[in-house]
């Protein structure tokens, strides 16, 4: 991440009047618009009181400017750990990767796009969360939401919109190349709803992909993985001497010798 130029702005003594701060910030940002600045702006602001955060943040959000707001209390006790966390947040907002994992070779070779879907029922309506990877290291994602009736788990419409937008985002990130394989992690559905997921959701995917791909090659293969956390099975690892068993280490994958009725 590289910064081209810093511009410093000192706010007047506003004594808790957030409206004055908003006006000053607006005037400051309008200056760049008048100068015809085309490079993306990133604002870093030191804030006195935590409860002023939402209103200050809305000023930048209204103008589609990425920002990092730091409390004065945090800035005063700055150290390497705090500074590193702040820079990680800024780096992420600017599209950088703080952490990368080495993926299997086929992920890049086959141009794999990984999709995650889950439904939250906490509010007055159920909200579908949709994310789709855009790069080979699976660190950059397109995200979207769908609003549907309360407690409706199966996504009956609008998945086609999410998928088309995510494929376009993938193509833009990969020099015009479309996904060659799609892997979907679907959370929140029980065993009895798997057929409904295939019938209602996967069908939307297949239909929306047809106009985007050549009729000769057809749409890319789609792998559906239903994530079920409520299971009764328990897995153990036997020690080298065969005398004791223990829990599998974090990250273990069991991909064989498992059956269900």
C-alpha atoms as a PDB file:
ATOM      1  CA  UNK A   1       0.000   0.000   0.000  1.00  0.00           C
ATOM      2  CA  UNK A   2       1.421   3.368  -1.050  1.00  0.00           C
ATOM      3  CA  UNK A   3       0.230   6.858  -0.149  1.00  0.00           C
ATOM      4  CA  UNK A   4       0.755   9.621  -2.702  1.00  0.00           C
ATOM      5  CA  UNK A   5       0.309  12.721  -0.559  1.00  0.00           C
ATOM      6  CA  UNK A   6      -0.888  13.716   2.898  1.00  0.00           C
ATOM      7  CA  UNK A   7      -3.263  16.630   3.495  1.00  0.00           C
ATOM      8  CA  UNK A   8      -3.656  17.810   7.061  1.00  0.00           C
ATOM      9  CA  UNK A   9      -6.810  19.472   8.363  1.00  0.00           C
ATOM     10  CA  UNK A  10      -7.202  21.034  11.821  1.00  0.00           C
ATOM     11  CA  UNK A  11     -10.781  21.324  12.999  1.00  0.00           C
ATOM     12  CA  UNK A  12     -11.947  24.400  14.946  1.00  0.00           C
ATOM     13  CA  UNK A  13     -12.976  24.250  18.605  1.00  0.00           C
ATOM     14  CA  UNK A  14     -16.477  22.866  18.132  1.00  0.00           C
ATOM     15  CA  UNK A  15     -17.261  21.895  21.769  1.00  0.00           C
ATOM     16  CA  UNK A  16     -19.264  18.829  20.923  1.00  0.00           C
ATOM     17  CA  UNK A  17     -21.174  20.322  17.977  1.00  0.00           C
ATOM     18  CA  UNK A  18     -20.838  17.497  15.484  1.00  0.00           C
ATOM     19  CA  UNK A  19     -22.745  19.491  12.882  1.00  0.00           C
ATOM     20  CA  UNK A  20     -19.885  22.020  12.646  1.00  0.00           C
ATOM     21  CA  UNK A  21     -17.380  19.218  12.205  1.00  0.00           C
ATOM     22  CA  UNK A  22     -19.485  17.765   9.411  1.00  0.00           C
ATOM     23  CA  UNK A  23     -19.596  21.161   7.675  1.00  0.00           C
ATOM     24  CA  UNK A  24     -15.813  21.568   7.937  1.00  0.00           C
ATOM     25  CA  UNK A  25     -15.227  18.097   6.583  1.00  0.00           C
ATOM     26  CA  UNK A  26     -17.616  18.716   3.711  1.00  0.00           C
ATOM     27  CA  UNK A  27     -15.793  21.938   2.793  1.00  0.00           C
ATOM     28  CA  UNK A  28     -12.438  20.183   2.997  1.00  0.00           C
ATOM     29  CA  UNK A  29     -13.601  17.355   0.732  1.00  0.00           C
ATOM     30  CA  UNK A  30     -15.232  19.753  -1.732  1.00  0.00           C
ATOM     31  CA  UNK A  31     -11.802  21.308  -2.232  1.00  0.00           C
ATOM     32  CA  UNK A  32     -10.548  18.086  -3.817  1.00  0.00           C
ATOM     33  CA  UNK A  33     -13.584  17.932  -6.071  1.00  0.00           C
ATOM     34  CA  UNK A  34     -12.956  21.462  -7.305  1.00  0.00           C
ATOM     35  CA  UNK A  35      -9.314  20.601  -8.017  1.00  0.00           C
ATOM     36  CA  UNK A  36     -10.456  17.620 -10.056  1.00  0.00           C
ATOM     37  CA  UNK A  37      -8.674  15.038  -7.915  1.00  0.00           C
ATOM     38  CA  UNK A  38      -9.275  11.626  -9.472  1.00  0.00           C
ATOM     39  CA  UNK A  39      -7.136   9.441  -7.230  1.00  0.00           C
ATOM     40  CA  UNK A  40      -9.008   7.633  -4.438  1.00  0.00           C
ATOM     41  CA  UNK A  41      -9.029   9.433  -1.115  1.00  0.00           C
ATOM     42  CA  UNK A  42      -8.609   7.819   2.269  1.00  0.00           C
ATOM     43  CA  UNK A  43      -9.351   9.870   5.363  1.00  0.00           C
ATOM     44  CA  UNK A  44      -7.803   9.280   8.801  1.00  0.00           C
ATOM     45  CA  UNK A  45      -9.451  11.209  11.623  1.00  0.00           C
ATOM     46  CA  UNK A  46      -8.654  11.519  15.320  1.00  0.00           C
ATOM     47  CA  UNK A  47     -11.924  11.689  17.281  1.00  0.00           C
ATOM     48  CA  UNK A  48     -12.383  12.921  20.829  1.00  0.00           C
ATOM     49  CA  UNK A  49     -15.541  11.084  21.922  1.00  0.00           C
ATOM     50  CA  UNK A  50     -16.740   7.634  20.976  1.00  0.00           C
ATOM     51  CA  UNK A  51     -20.440   8.573  20.756  1.00  0.00           C
ATOM     52  CA  UNK A  52     -19.650  11.046  17.941  1.00  0.00           C
ATOM     53  CA  UNK A  53     -18.374   8.194  15.739  1.00  0.00           C
ATOM     54  CA  UNK A  54     -21.617   7.395  13.803  1.00  0.00           C
ATOM     55  CA  UNK A  55     -22.246  10.996  12.709  1.00  0.00           C
ATOM     56  CA  UNK A  56     -18.613  11.604  11.726  1.00  0.00           C
ATOM     57  CA  UNK A  57     -18.422   8.321   9.842  1.00  0.00           C
ATOM     58  CA  UNK A  58     -21.597   9.188   7.925  1.00  0.00           C
ATOM     59  CA  UNK A  59     -19.871  12.242   6.409  1.00  0.00           C
ATOM     60  CA  UNK A  60     -17.349  10.020   4.642  1.00  0.00           C
ATOM     61  CA  UNK A  61     -19.937   7.355   3.806  1.00  0.00           C
ATOM     62  CA  UNK A  62     -22.163   9.974   2.173  1.00  0.00           C
ATOM     63  CA  UNK A  63     -19.310  10.878  -0.174  1.00  0.00           C
ATOM     64  CA  UNK A  64     -18.132   7.297  -0.753  1.00  0.00           C
ATOM     65  CA  UNK A  65     -14.751   8.020   0.831  1.00  0.00           C
ATOM     66  CA  UNK A  66     -13.017   5.276   2.788  1.00  0.00           C
ATOM     67  CA  UNK A  67     -11.993   6.338   6.269  1.00  0.00           C
ATOM     68  CA  UNK A  68     -10.332   5.247   9.484  1.00  0.00           C
ATOM     69  CA  UNK A  69     -11.554   6.993  12.625  1.00  0.00           C
ATOM     70  CA  UNK A  70      -9.229   6.695  15.636  1.00  0.00           C
ATOM     71  CA  UNK A  71     -10.203   7.694  19.160  1.00  0.00           C
ATOM     72  CA  UNK A  72      -7.939  10.272  20.824  1.00  0.00           C
ATOM     73  CA  UNK A  73      -7.581   7.889  23.759  1.00  0.00           C
ATOM     74  CA  UNK A  74      -6.234   5.211  21.410  1.00  0.00           C
ATOM     75  CA  UNK A  75      -3.895   7.629  19.655  1.00  0.00           C
ATOM     76  CA  UNK A  76      -2.358   8.752  22.967  1.00  0.00           C
ATOM     77  CA  UNK A  77      -1.395   5.218  23.992  1.00  0.00           C
ATOM     78  CA  UNK A  78      -0.214   4.205  20.536  1.00  0.00           C
ATOM     79  CA  UNK A  79       2.317   1.365  20.380  1.00  0.00           C
ATOM     80  CA  UNK A  80       3.502  -1.103  17.758  1.00  0.00           C
ATOM     81  CA  UNK A  81       0.629  -3.526  18.404  1.00  0.00           C
ATOM     82  CA  UNK A  82      -2.090  -0.846  18.172  1.00  0.00           C
ATOM     83  CA  UNK A  83      -0.455   0.768  15.125  1.00  0.00           C
ATOM     84  CA  UNK A  84      -0.226  -2.613  13.384  1.00  0.00           C
ATOM     85  CA  UNK A  85      -3.932  -3.297  13.959  1.00  0.00           C
ATOM     86  CA  UNK A  86      -4.880   0.135  12.596  1.00  0.00           C
ATOM     87  CA  UNK A  87      -2.702  -0.348   9.504  1.00  0.00           C
ATOM     88  CA  UNK A  88      -4.216  -3.785   8.915  1.00  0.00           C
ATOM     89  CA  UNK A  89      -7.685  -2.226   8.922  1.00  0.00           C
ATOM     90  CA  UNK A  90      -6.591   0.520   6.520  1.00  0.00           C
ATOM     91  CA  UNK A  91      -4.866  -1.995   4.264  1.00  0.00           C
ATOM     92  CA  UNK A  92      -8.009  -4.141   4.144  1.00  0.00           C
ATOM     93  CA  UNK A  93     -10.249  -1.170   3.345  1.00  0.00           C
ATOM     94  CA  UNK A  94      -7.903  -0.191   0.499  1.00  0.00           C
ATOM     95  CA  UNK A  95      -8.201  -3.664  -1.011  1.00  0.00           C
ATOM     96  CA  UNK A  96      -4.996  -5.149   0.376  1.00  0.00           C
ATOM     97  CA  UNK A  97      -4.513  -8.587   1.945  1.00  0.00           C
ATOM     98  CA  UNK A  98      -3.358  -8.814   5.544  1.00  0.00           C
ATOM     99  CA  UNK A  99      -3.118 -12.619   5.490  1.00  0.00           C
ATOM    100  CA  UNK A 100      -2.849 -15.150   2.677  1.00  0.00           C
ATOM    101  CA  UNK A 101      -3.087 -18.926   2.741  1.00  0.00           C
ATOM    102  CA  UNK A 102      -1.532 -21.240   0.196  1.00  0.00           C
ATOM    103  CA  UNK A 103      -4.421 -22.741  -1.730  1.00  0.00           C
ATOM    104  CA  UNK A 104      -4.384 -26.022  -3.699  1.00  0.00           C
ATOM    105  CA  UNK A 105      -3.002 -25.579  -7.218  1.00  0.00           C
ATOM    106  CA  UNK A 106      -6.368 -26.296  -8.865  1.00  0.00           C
ATOM    107  CA  UNK A 107      -7.917 -23.169  -7.301  1.00  0.00           C
ATOM    108  CA  UNK A 108      -5.827 -20.909  -9.546  1.00  0.00           C
ATOM    109  CA  UNK A 109      -5.560 -23.319 -12.466  1.00  0.00           C
ATOM    110  CA  UNK A 110      -9.322 -23.915 -12.738  1.00  0.00           C
ATOM    111  CA  UNK A 111     -10.209 -20.320 -11.812  1.00  0.00           C
ATOM    112  CA  UNK A 112     -12.291 -21.429  -8.848  1.00  0.00           C
ATOM    113  CA  UNK A 113     -14.842 -19.093  -7.301  1.00  0.00           C
ATOM    114  CA  UNK A 114     -15.928 -19.938  -3.738  1.00  0.00           C
ATOM    115  CA  UNK A 115     -19.390 -18.791  -2.646  1.00  0.00           C
ATOM    116  CA  UNK A 116     -20.799 -18.662   0.880  1.00  0.00           C
ATOM    117  CA  UNK A 117     -24.534 -18.363   1.634  1.00  0.00           C
ATOM    118  CA  UNK A 118     -26.314 -18.136   4.993  1.00  0.00           C
ATOM    119  CA  UNK A 119     -29.589 -16.709   6.306  1.00  0.00           C
ATOM    120  CA  UNK A 120     -30.041 -14.627   9.472  1.00  0.00           C
ATOM    121  CA  UNK A 121     -33.490 -14.542  11.111  1.00  0.00           C
ATOM    122  CA  UNK A 122     -32.740 -12.041  13.909  1.00  0.00           C
ATOM    123  CA  UNK A 123     -34.682  -9.009  12.642  1.00  0.00           C
ATOM    124  CA  UNK A 124     -38.183  -8.317  11.367  1.00  0.00           C
ATOM    125  CA  UNK A 125     -37.174  -9.886   8.050  1.00  0.00           C
ATOM    126  CA  UNK A 126     -34.784 -12.695   7.238  1.00  0.00           C
ATOM    127  CA  UNK A 127     -31.548 -11.510   5.609  1.00  0.00           C
ATOM    128  CA  UNK A 128     -29.531 -13.650   3.218  1.00  0.00           C
ATOM    129  CA  UNK A 129     -25.783 -13.068   3.287  1.00  0.00           C
ATOM    130  CA  UNK A 130     -23.958 -13.791   0.011  1.00  0.00           C
ATOM    131  CA  UNK A 131     -20.204 -13.673  -0.558  1.00  0.00           C
ATOM    132  CA  UNK A 132     -18.116 -14.792  -3.533  1.00  0.00           C
ATOM    133  CA  UNK A 133     -14.339 -14.844  -3.937  1.00  0.00           C
ATOM    134  CA  UNK A 134     -12.728 -12.683  -6.627  1.00  0.00           C
ATOM    135  CA  UNK A 135      -9.075 -13.809  -6.639  1.00  0.00           C
ATOM    136  CA  UNK A 136      -6.997 -16.987  -6.616  1.00  0.00           C
ATOM    137  CA  UNK A 137      -5.868 -16.575  -3.001  1.00  0.00           C
ATOM    138  CA  UNK A 138      -9.516 -16.270  -1.842  1.00  0.00           C
ATOM    139  CA  UNK A 139      -8.832 -13.054   0.056  1.00  0.00           C
ATOM    140  CA  UNK A 140     -11.000 -10.600  -1.914  1.00  0.00           C
ATOM    141  CA  UNK A 141     -14.774 -10.995  -1.942  1.00  0.00           C
ATOM    142  CA  UNK A 142     -17.889  -9.599  -3.564  1.00  0.00           C
ATOM    143  CA  UNK A 143     -20.743  -9.372  -1.048  1.00  0.00           C
ATOM    144  CA  UNK A 144     -24.475  -8.799  -1.250  1.00  0.00           C
ATOM    145  CA  UNK A 145     -27.684  -9.310   0.722  1.00  0.00           C
ATOM    146  CA  UNK A 146     -31.231 -10.431  -0.025  1.00  0.00           C
ATOM    147  CA  UNK A 147     -34.227  -9.526   2.148  1.00  0.00           C
ATOM    148  CA  UNK A 148     -36.948 -12.167   2.397  1.00  0.00           C
ATOM    149  CA  UNK A 149     -39.907 -13.095   4.668  1.00  0.00           C
ATOM    150  CA  UNK A 150     -39.194 -13.866   8.316  1.00  0.00           C
ATOM    151  CA  UNK A 151     -37.948 -17.419   9.017  1.00  0.00           C
ATOM    152  CA  UNK A 152     -37.758 -18.324   5.319  1.00  0.00           C
ATOM    153  CA  UNK A 153     -34.579 -20.359   4.965  1.00  0.00           C
ATOM    154  CA  UNK A 154     -34.645 -21.332   1.291  1.00  0.00           C
ATOM    155  CA  UNK A 155     -33.688 -18.457  -1.031  1.00  0.00           C
ATOM    156  CA  UNK A 156     -36.372 -18.540  -3.709  1.00  0.00           C
ATOM    157  CA  UNK A 157     -35.377 -15.449  -5.712  1.00  0.00           C
ATOM    158  CA  UNK A 158     -32.628 -12.858  -6.381  1.00  0.00           C
ATOM    159  CA  UNK A 159     -29.744 -15.335  -6.115  1.00  0.00           C
ATOM    160  CA  UNK A 160     -29.385 -14.952  -9.872  1.00  0.00           C
ATOM    161  CA  UNK A 161     -28.704 -11.226  -9.415  1.00  0.00           C
ATOM    162  CA  UNK A 162     -26.068 -11.917  -6.754  1.00  0.00           C
ATOM    163  CA  UNK A 163     -24.351 -14.550  -8.891  1.00  0.00           C
ATOM    164  CA  UNK A 164     -24.279 -12.451 -12.062  1.00  0.00           C
ATOM    165  CA  UNK A 165     -22.774  -9.508 -10.162  1.00  0.00           C
ATOM    166  CA  UNK A 166     -20.206 -11.758  -8.474  1.00  0.00           C
ATOM    167  CA  UNK A 167     -19.161 -13.354 -11.779  1.00  0.00           C
ATOM    168  CA  UNK A 168     -18.713  -9.895 -13.282  1.00  0.00           C
ATOM    169  CA  UNK A 169     -16.620  -8.842 -10.257  1.00  0.00           C
ATOM    170  CA  UNK A 170     -14.521 -12.020 -10.636  1.00  0.00           C
ATOM    171  CA  UNK A 171     -14.016 -11.338 -14.346  1.00  0.00           C
ATOM    172  CA  UNK A 172     -12.931  -7.741 -13.687  1.00  0.00           C
ATOM    173  CA  UNK A 173     -10.383  -8.916 -11.111  1.00  0.00           C
ATOM    174  CA  UNK A 174      -9.005 -11.660 -13.390  1.00  0.00           C
ATOM    175  CA  UNK A 175      -8.445  -9.879 -16.678  1.00  0.00           C
ATOM    176  CA  UNK A 176     -11.785 -10.836 -18.225  1.00  0.00           C
ATOM    177  CA  UNK A 177     -11.590 -14.520 -17.298  1.00  0.00           C
ATOM    178  CA  UNK A 178     -14.778 -16.093 -15.957  1.00  0.00           C
ATOM    179  CA  UNK A 179     -14.887 -18.675 -13.134  1.00  0.00           C
ATOM    180  CA  UNK A 180     -14.035 -22.180 -14.390  1.00  0.00           C
ATOM    181  CA  UNK A 181     -15.478 -23.919 -11.343  1.00  0.00           C
ATOM    182  CA  UNK A 182     -17.857 -22.790  -8.598  1.00  0.00           C
ATOM    183  CA  UNK A 183     -17.864 -24.170  -5.041  1.00  0.00           C
ATOM    184  CA  UNK A 184     -20.821 -23.205  -2.843  1.00  0.00           C
ATOM    185  CA  UNK A 185     -20.796 -23.477   0.951  1.00  0.00           C
ATOM    186  CA  UNK A 186     -24.431 -23.356   2.076  1.00  0.00           C
ATOM    187  CA  UNK A 187     -24.943 -22.934   5.808  1.00  0.00           C
ATOM    188  CA  UNK A 188     -28.089 -23.111   7.919  1.00  0.00           C
ATOM    189  CA  UNK A 189     -30.057 -25.896   6.216  1.00  0.00           C
ATOM    190  CA  UNK A 190     -30.841 -29.298   7.719  1.00  0.00           C
ATOM    191  CA  UNK A 191     -30.676 -32.666   6.008  1.00  0.00           C
ATOM    192  CA  UNK A 192     -34.359 -32.526   5.097  1.00  0.00           C
ATOM    193  CA  UNK A 193     -33.866 -29.292   3.141  1.00  0.00           C
ATOM    194  CA  UNK A 194     -31.023 -30.374   0.871  1.00  0.00           C
ATOM    195  CA  UNK A 195     -33.326 -31.262  -2.012  1.00  0.00           C
ATOM    196  CA  UNK A 196     -35.014 -27.849  -1.719  1.00  0.00           C
ATOM    197  CA  UNK A 197     -31.621 -26.127  -1.915  1.00  0.00           C
ATOM    198  CA  UNK A 198     -30.821 -28.032  -5.103  1.00  0.00           C
ATOM    199  CA  UNK A 199     -34.265 -27.407  -6.600  1.00  0.00           C
ATOM    200  CA  UNK A 200     -34.691 -23.739  -5.687  1.00  0.00           C
ATOM    201  CA  UNK A 201     -31.204 -22.266  -5.264  1.00  0.00           C
ATOM    202  CA  UNK A 202     -28.888 -24.264  -7.519  1.00  0.00           C
ATOM    203  CA  UNK A 203     -31.484 -24.038 -10.273  1.00  0.00           C
ATOM    204  CA  UNK A 204     -31.266 -20.226 -10.081  1.00  0.00           C
ATOM    205  CA  UNK A 205     -27.481 -20.456 -10.397  1.00  0.00           C
ATOM    206  CA  UNK A 206     -27.586 -22.665 -13.463  1.00  0.00           C
ATOM    207  CA  UNK A 207     -30.185 -20.549 -15.247  1.00  0.00           C
ATOM    208  CA  UNK A 208     -28.379 -17.272 -14.557  1.00  0.00           C
ATOM    209  CA  UNK A 209     -25.025 -18.668 -15.778  1.00  0.00           C
ATOM    210  CA  UNK A 210     -26.294 -19.825 -19.167  1.00  0.00           C
ATOM    211  CA  UNK A 211     -26.320 -16.361 -20.825  1.00  0.00           C
ATOM    212  CA  UNK A 212     -22.816 -15.638 -19.509  1.00  0.00           C
ATOM    213  CA  UNK A 213     -21.063 -18.702 -20.931  1.00  0.00           C
ATOM    214  CA  UNK A 214     -20.496 -20.099 -24.390  1.00  0.00           C
ATOM    215  CA  UNK A 215     -23.161 -22.642 -25.375  1.00  0.00           C
ATOM    216  CA  UNK A 216     -20.455 -25.009 -26.636  1.00  0.00           C
ATOM    217  CA  UNK A 217     -18.485 -25.188 -23.384  1.00  0.00           C
ATOM    218  CA  UNK A 218     -21.530 -24.813 -21.152  1.00  0.00           C
ATOM    219  CA  UNK A 219     -21.657 -23.494 -17.602  1.00  0.00           C
ATOM    220  CA  UNK A 220     -18.817 -24.370 -15.179  1.00  0.00           C
ATOM    221  CA  UNK A 221     -19.151 -27.315 -12.761  1.00  0.00           C
ATOM    222  CA  UNK A 222     -20.937 -26.406  -9.511  1.00  0.00           C
ATOM    223  CA  UNK A 223     -20.049 -28.154  -6.237  1.00  0.00           C
ATOM    224  CA  UNK A 224     -22.550 -27.753  -3.392  1.00  0.00           C
ATOM    225  CA  UNK A 225     -21.298 -28.256   0.172  1.00  0.00           C
ATOM    226  CA  UNK A 226     -24.007 -28.138   2.846  1.00  0.00           C
ATOM    227  CA  UNK A 227     -22.453 -27.047   6.137  1.00  0.00           C
ATOM    228  CA  UNK A 228     -24.134 -28.788   9.055  1.00  0.00           C
ATOM    229  CA  UNK A 229     -22.792 -27.871  12.495  1.00  0.00           C
ATOM    230  CA  UNK A 230     -25.460 -29.687  14.499  1.00  0.00           C
ATOM    231  CA  UNK A 231     -24.113 -33.228  14.325  1.00  0.00           C
ATOM    232  CA  UNK A 232     -23.919 -36.071  16.842  1.00  0.00           C
ATOM    233  CA  UNK A 233     -20.819 -37.705  15.385  1.00  0.00           C
ATOM    234  CA  UNK A 234     -17.557 -37.245  17.268  1.00  0.00           C
ATOM    235  CA  UNK A 235     -14.166 -37.827  15.678  1.00  0.00           C
ATOM    236  CA  UNK A 236     -10.988 -38.870  17.494  1.00  0.00           C
ATOM    237  CA  UNK A 237      -7.350 -39.391  16.595  1.00  0.00           C
ATOM    238  CA  UNK A 238      -5.536 -42.458  17.878  1.00  0.00           C
ATOM    239  CA  UNK A 239      -2.087 -41.956  19.343  1.00  0.00           C
ATOM    240  CA  UNK A 240       0.991 -43.510  17.739  1.00  0.00           C
ATOM    241  CA  UNK A 241       1.155 -46.273  20.338  1.00  0.00           C
ATOM    242  CA  UNK A 242      -2.566 -46.969  19.983  1.00  0.00           C
ATOM    243  CA  UNK A 243      -3.225 -46.631  23.724  1.00  0.00           C
ATOM    244  CA  UNK A 244      -5.034 -43.273  23.820  1.00  0.00           C
ATOM    245  CA  UNK A 245      -7.321 -41.129  21.677  1.00  0.00           C
ATOM    246  CA  UNK A 246      -7.566 -37.366  21.437  1.00  0.00           C
ATOM    247  CA  UNK A 247      -9.513 -34.666  19.608  1.00  0.00           C
ATOM    248  CA  UNK A 248      -8.342 -33.972  16.035  1.00  0.00           C
ATOM    249  CA  UNK A 249      -6.065 -30.921  15.749  1.00  0.00           C
ATOM    250  CA  UNK A 250      -7.553 -27.667  14.386  1.00  0.00           C
ATOM    251  CA  UNK A 251      -7.992 -27.657  10.623  1.00  0.00           C
ATOM    252  CA  UNK A 252      -8.406 -31.421  10.291  1.00  0.00           C
ATOM    253  CA  UNK A 253     -10.429 -32.593   7.267  1.00  0.00           C
ATOM    254  CA  UNK A 254     -12.070 -36.030   7.231  1.00  0.00           C
ATOM    255  CA  UNK A 255     -13.000 -36.814   3.639  1.00  0.00           C
ATOM    256  CA  UNK A 256     -13.287 -40.601   3.528  1.00  0.00           C
ATOM    257  CA  UNK A 257     -14.968 -43.553   5.260  1.00  0.00           C
ATOM    258  CA  UNK A 258     -17.950 -41.468   6.389  1.00  0.00           C
ATOM    259  CA  UNK A 259     -21.413 -42.730   5.443  1.00  0.00           C
ATOM    260  CA  UNK A 260     -24.999 -41.865   6.320  1.00  0.00           C
ATOM    261  CA  UNK A 261     -28.224 -43.807   6.079  1.00  0.00           C
END
